Amino acid sequence: MTAVAAPHPANNARLLPSVGVLTGRALRIYRRTPQLLILRIVQSVAFLLIFRYVFGGAIGTGTMRYVDFMAPGLLTVGIMFATIGTALGVAEDHVGGLFDRLRSLPMPRSAVLTGRVLADLAMTVAVLIPTIAIAFVVGMRVHTDWGSALGALGLLVLFGFAFVWIFVAVGLLAGSVQAAQGISFIVMPISFASSAFVPTSSMPGWLQAFTEHQPVTVVVNAVRTLTQGAPAEALLGHSTGYYVTRALIWIIALTVVFAGLAIARYRSR
């Protein structure tokens, strides 16, 4: 008698329902522990208020008001800090054996990471929206049209998507929750060594070579020119299209590289 091969588990369940179930599971974790979301919002708003009222009077930004210069940078950096929890949650699930149990179930393997990414991206947007509202309360204004403003918002969400994948990869590669937390704080020097809070022209020449071309600066400048228009272009030295194009290239590159690393690591376990 000829043996019949068992069907691959991935063939026994459709992708979208599986992604929906796993996204819902991750979102329920946030709903049951709302302090995770609240702390991220408080952290983002606290940074906004500190730079608006403590450092704002000491930093020169040419003809631009400092709040209009700083707010796009703060929103971009806030996206990065909001996604740090992704690395910790993925590391906890990985070390705790959850991913091993999910691999034994009849569902597509790609659904596991996709569900996590979508849930954490939703939480990142949930942090971004109230931070934008507070930025307007403390004086930020958009000096372009609504289309450009929505383009800036979309760019921030895409940047968040890329960083969720970065921290999924960190969580899978770290080996422990403590290691994932330590690695994740690399965002601190990267965020401050950028144009997020001060013009790069105020930095030493050797540092400018790095800050002007790293992805945080490029995305910040894209958001800044989309929301502030000609004054930002004059200060930064290039057009909005220049920065938006470079920002999209960085976002695509980061997503492809770190999603590839995360998927390879998940499949190898």
Protein backbone atom coordinates (compact mmCIF):
# COMPACT_ATOMS: atom_id res chain seq x y z
CA MET A 1 0.00 0.00 0.00
CA THR A 2 1.30 3.37 -0.98
CA ALA A 3 1.55 5.83 1.89
CA VAL A 4 -0.25 9.12 1.43
CA ALA A 5 1.69 12.15 2.59
CA ALA A 6 -0.02 14.23 5.22
CA PRO A 7 -1.03 17.67 4.04
CA HIS A 8 1.22 20.51 5.12
CA PRO A 9 -0.30 22.31 8.11
CA ALA A 10 -0.16 25.61 6.23
CA ASN A 11 -2.67 24.20 3.75
CA ASN A 12 -5.25 23.52 6.46
CA ALA A 13 -5.99 27.13 7.30
CA ARG A 14 -6.32 30.30 5.32
CA LEU A 15 -3.88 33.12 5.89
CA LEU A 16 -6.23 36.04 6.56
CA PRO A 17 -8.35 34.33 9.27
CA SER A 18 -5.17 33.16 11.00
CA VAL A 19 -3.68 36.66 10.87
CA GLY A 20 -6.93 38.05 12.26
CA VAL A 21 -6.93 35.65 15.20
CA LEU A 22 -3.30 36.35 16.11
CA THR A 23 -3.70 40.11 15.68
CA GLY A 24 -6.72 39.97 17.98
CA ARG A 25 -4.76 38.00 20.56
CA ALA A 26 -1.99 40.60 20.64
CA LEU A 27 -4.49 43.46 20.85
CA ARG A 28 -6.27 41.78 23.76
CA ILE A 29 -3.00 41.83 25.68
CA TYR A 30 -2.92 45.62 25.32
CA ARG A 31 -6.59 45.89 26.25
CA ARG A 32 -6.10 43.84 29.42
CA THR A 33 -2.97 45.79 30.38
CA PRO A 34 -3.81 49.36 29.30
CA GLN A 35 -0.87 50.71 31.28
CA LEU A 36 1.38 49.53 28.44
CA LEU A 37 -0.31 51.93 26.06
CA ILE A 38 -0.75 54.70 28.61
CA LEU A 39 2.92 54.69 29.58
CA ARG A 40 3.96 54.96 25.93
CA ILE A 41 1.67 57.95 25.42
CA VAL A 42 2.89 59.62 28.63
CA GLN A 43 6.51 59.10 27.62
CA SER A 44 5.95 60.59 24.17
CA VAL A 45 4.03 63.60 25.52
CA ALA A 46 6.62 64.16 28.27
CA PHE A 47 9.44 64.39 25.71
CA LEU A 48 7.33 66.81 23.68
CA LEU A 49 6.72 69.11 26.66
CA ILE A 50 10.36 68.98 27.79
CA PHE A 51 11.74 70.01 24.43
CA ARG A 52 8.98 72.57 23.88
CA TYR A 53 9.34 74.42 27.18
CA VAL A 54 12.77 73.51 28.60
CA PHE A 55 15.11 73.48 25.59
CA GLY A 56 13.07 75.44 23.06
CA GLY A 57 14.40 78.84 24.01
CA ALA A 58 18.04 77.79 23.76
CA ILE A 59 18.07 76.26 20.27
CA GLY A 60 18.21 78.40 17.17
CA THR A 61 16.34 77.27 14.04
CA GLY A 62 16.62 80.28 11.77
CA THR A 63 13.30 81.73 10.64
CA MET A 64 11.33 78.68 11.81
CA ARG A 65 9.72 78.60 15.23
CA TYR A 66 11.35 75.93 17.34
CA VAL A 67 8.05 74.16 18.06
CA ASP A 68 7.45 73.77 14.30
CA PHE A 69 11.01 72.51 13.84
CA MET A 70 10.97 70.14 16.82
CA ALA A 71 7.49 68.59 16.62
CA PRO A 72 8.10 66.57 13.40
CA GLY A 73 11.31 65.25 14.96
CA LEU A 74 9.60 64.36 18.22
CA LEU A 75 6.81 62.53 16.40
CA THR A 76 9.32 60.53 14.38
CA VAL A 77 11.42 59.64 17.42
CA GLY A 78 8.25 58.88 19.38
CA ILE A 79 7.42 56.21 16.79
CA MET A 80 10.76 54.54 17.50
CA PHE A 81 10.32 54.53 21.26
CA ALA A 82 6.72 53.33 20.98
CA THR A 83 7.86 50.20 19.15
CA ILE A 84 10.46 49.13 21.73
CA GLY A 85 7.76 47.09 23.48
CA THR A 86 7.53 44.93 20.37
CA ALA A 87 11.02 43.53 21.01
CA LEU A 88 10.16 42.71 24.62
CA GLY A 89 6.85 41.05 23.76
CA VAL A 90 8.33 38.99 20.93
CA ALA A 91 11.27 37.92 23.08
CA GLU A 92 8.90 36.86 25.86
CA ASP A 93 6.73 34.83 23.46
CA HIS A 94 9.81 33.32 21.83
CA VAL A 95 11.56 32.29 25.05
CA GLY A 96 8.30 31.14 26.63
CA GLY A 97 7.64 28.65 23.83
CA LEU A 98 4.53 30.31 22.38
CA PHE A 99 5.94 30.36 18.86
CA ASP A 100 6.80 26.65 19.10
CA ARG A 101 3.20 25.88 20.06
CA LEU A 102 1.83 28.02 17.25
CA ARG A 103 4.05 26.24 14.72
CA SER A 104 2.41 22.97 15.73
CA LEU A 105 -1.03 24.28 14.81
CA PRO A 106 -2.59 24.02 11.33
CA MET A 107 -2.00 27.62 10.26
CA PRO A 108 0.34 29.38 7.85
CA ARG A 109 3.63 30.18 9.56
CA SER A 110 3.64 33.67 8.08
CA ALA A 111 0.49 34.48 10.04
CA VAL A 112 2.32 34.43 13.38
CA LEU A 113 4.69 37.32 12.72
CA THR A 114 2.21 39.20 10.54
CA GLY A 115 -0.39 39.21 13.30
CA ARG A 116 2.12 40.54 15.80
CA VAL A 117 3.30 43.28 13.43
CA LEU A 118 -0.23 44.49 12.67
CA ALA A 119 -1.19 44.61 16.35
CA ASP A 120 1.92 46.52 17.37
CA LEU A 121 1.55 48.89 14.45
CA ALA A 122 -2.01 49.65 15.63
CA MET A 123 -0.66 50.41 19.11
CA THR A 124 2.01 52.65 17.62
CA VAL A 125 -0.66 54.65 15.77
CA ALA A 126 -2.63 54.83 19.03
CA VAL A 127 0.40 56.53 20.61
CA LEU A 128 0.99 58.80 17.62
CA ILE A 129 -2.49 60.33 17.40
CA PRO A 130 -2.72 61.85 20.92
CA THR A 131 0.89 63.04 20.65
CA ILE A 132 -0.01 64.92 17.47
CA ALA A 133 -2.99 66.45 19.25
CA ILE A 134 -0.81 67.67 22.13
CA ALA A 135 1.72 69.04 19.64
CA PHE A 136 -1.01 71.26 18.20
CA VAL A 137 -2.05 72.31 21.71
CA VAL A 138 1.48 73.50 22.54
CA GLY A 139 1.78 75.52 19.37
CA MET A 140 2.77 73.41 16.37
CA ARG A 141 1.10 74.45 13.13
CA VAL A 142 1.03 72.97 9.63
CA HIS A 143 2.08 75.55 7.05
CA THR A 144 1.29 73.47 3.97
CA ASP A 145 -1.93 71.90 2.69
CA TRP A 146 -3.94 68.99 4.07
CA GLY A 147 -2.63 66.64 1.39
CA SER A 148 0.95 67.23 2.50
CA ALA A 149 -0.04 66.87 6.15
CA LEU A 150 -1.72 63.52 5.46
CA GLY A 151 1.37 62.50 3.49
CA ALA A 152 3.48 63.25 6.56
CA LEU A 153 1.16 61.14 8.71
CA GLY A 154 1.35 58.27 6.23
CA LEU A 155 5.14 58.50 6.21
CA LEU A 156 5.20 58.27 10.02
CA VAL A 157 2.99 55.17 9.93
CA LEU A 158 5.25 53.54 7.33
CA PHE A 159 8.28 54.38 9.47
CA GLY A 160 6.51 52.75 12.40
CA PHE A 161 5.86 49.67 10.27
CA ALA A 162 9.58 49.41 9.48
CA PHE A 163 10.55 49.78 13.14
CA VAL A 164 8.04 47.18 14.27
CA TRP A 165 9.81 44.72 11.97
CA ILE A 166 13.18 45.86 13.33
CA PHE A 167 12.10 45.09 16.88
CA VAL A 168 10.44 41.81 15.90
CA ALA A 169 13.85 40.77 14.58
CA VAL A 170 15.54 42.03 17.77
CA GLY A 171 13.11 40.05 19.92
CA LEU A 172 13.75 36.86 17.99
CA LEU A 173 17.52 37.27 17.89
CA ALA A 174 18.11 38.54 21.43
CA GLY A 175 17.72 35.26 23.29
CA SER A 176 16.09 36.80 26.39
CA VAL A 177 13.81 39.64 27.39
CA GLN A 178 16.65 41.41 29.20
CA ALA A 179 18.90 41.25 26.15
CA ALA A 180 16.09 42.51 23.91
CA GLN A 181 15.55 45.47 26.22
CA GLY A 182 19.25 46.32 26.23
CA ILE A 183 19.58 46.10 22.46
CA SER A 184 16.44 48.17 21.90
CA PHE A 185 17.86 51.21 23.63
CA ILE A 186 20.17 51.71 20.68
CA VAL A 187 17.37 54.00 19.50
CA MET A 188 18.44 56.55 22.14
CA PRO A 189 21.79 57.60 20.59
CA ILE A 190 20.41 57.21 17.07
CA SER A 191 17.50 59.54 17.80
CA PHE A 192 19.64 62.25 19.41
CA ALA A 193 22.37 61.98 16.75
CA SER A 194 19.90 63.22 14.15
CA SER A 195 18.12 66.39 13.09
CA ALA A 196 15.13 65.56 15.30
CA PHE A 197 15.78 68.23 17.93
CA VAL A 198 18.61 70.44 16.64
CA PRO A 199 19.86 71.43 13.18
CA THR A 200 22.72 69.20 12.06
CA SER A 201 24.69 72.34 11.15
CA SER A 202 25.24 72.92 14.88
CA MET A 203 27.11 69.59 15.22
CA PRO A 204 30.83 68.91 14.68
CA GLY A 205 31.75 68.18 11.07
CA TRP A 206 32.65 64.55 11.72
CA LEU A 207 29.23 63.95 13.29
CA GLN A 208 27.34 65.75 10.53
CA ALA A 209 28.59 63.18 8.01
CA PHE A 210 26.65 60.53 9.92
CA THR A 211 23.61 62.48 11.09
CA GLU A 212 22.70 63.94 7.70
CA HIS A 213 22.46 60.54 6.01
CA GLN A 214 21.06 58.23 8.68
CA PRO A 215 17.39 57.17 8.33
CA VAL A 216 16.02 59.08 11.32
CA THR A 217 17.28 62.41 9.98
CA VAL A 218 15.98 61.65 6.49
CA VAL A 219 12.49 60.75 7.73
CA VAL A 220 12.39 63.70 10.15
CA ASN A 221 13.34 66.10 7.36
CA ALA A 222 10.72 64.59 5.07
CA VAL A 223 8.00 65.05 7.71
CA ARG A 224 9.34 68.54 8.47
CA THR A 225 9.23 69.73 4.86
CA LEU A 226 5.80 68.14 4.29
CA THR A 227 4.34 70.05 7.25
CA GLN A 228 6.35 73.29 7.16
CA GLY A 229 6.93 73.85 3.46
CA ALA A 230 9.29 76.51 2.10
CA PRO A 231 10.84 77.64 5.43
CA ALA A 232 11.90 74.04 6.17
CA GLU A 233 13.24 73.56 2.64
CA ALA A 234 15.28 76.76 2.96
CA LEU A 235 16.68 75.70 6.32
CA LEU A 236 17.49 72.12 5.26
CA GLY A 237 18.75 72.92 1.77
CA HIS A 238 16.68 70.47 -0.32
CA SER A 239 13.15 70.10 -1.63
CA THR A 240 10.32 68.11 -0.09
CA GLY A 241 10.45 65.57 -2.92
CA TYR A 242 14.15 64.97 -2.26
CA TYR A 243 13.58 64.05 1.38
CA VAL A 244 10.37 62.07 0.78
CA THR A 245 12.05 59.95 -1.88
CA ARG A 246 15.04 59.22 0.35
CA ALA A 247 12.76 58.48 3.29
CA LEU A 248 10.75 55.93 1.31
CA ILE A 249 13.96 54.25 0.13
CA TRP A 250 15.16 53.95 3.74
CA ILE A 251 11.79 52.63 4.94
CA ILE A 252 11.63 49.99 2.21
CA ALA A 253 15.24 48.94 2.81
CA LEU A 254 14.80 48.65 6.59
CA THR A 255 11.57 46.68 6.19
CA VAL A 256 13.02 44.24 3.66
CA VAL A 257 16.21 43.62 5.65
CA PHE A 258 14.70 43.21 9.10
CA ALA A 259 11.55 41.40 7.99
CA GLY A 260 13.84 38.99 6.16
CA LEU A 261 15.95 38.51 9.30
CA ALA A 262 12.88 37.98 11.46
CA ILE A 263 11.30 35.46 9.10
CA ALA A 264 14.58 33.56 8.69
CA ARG A 265 15.06 33.40 12.46
CA TYR A 266 11.48 32.26 13.02
CA ARG A 267 11.75 29.50 10.42
CA SER A 268 15.08 28.28 11.75
CA ARG A 269 13.72 27.51 15.21
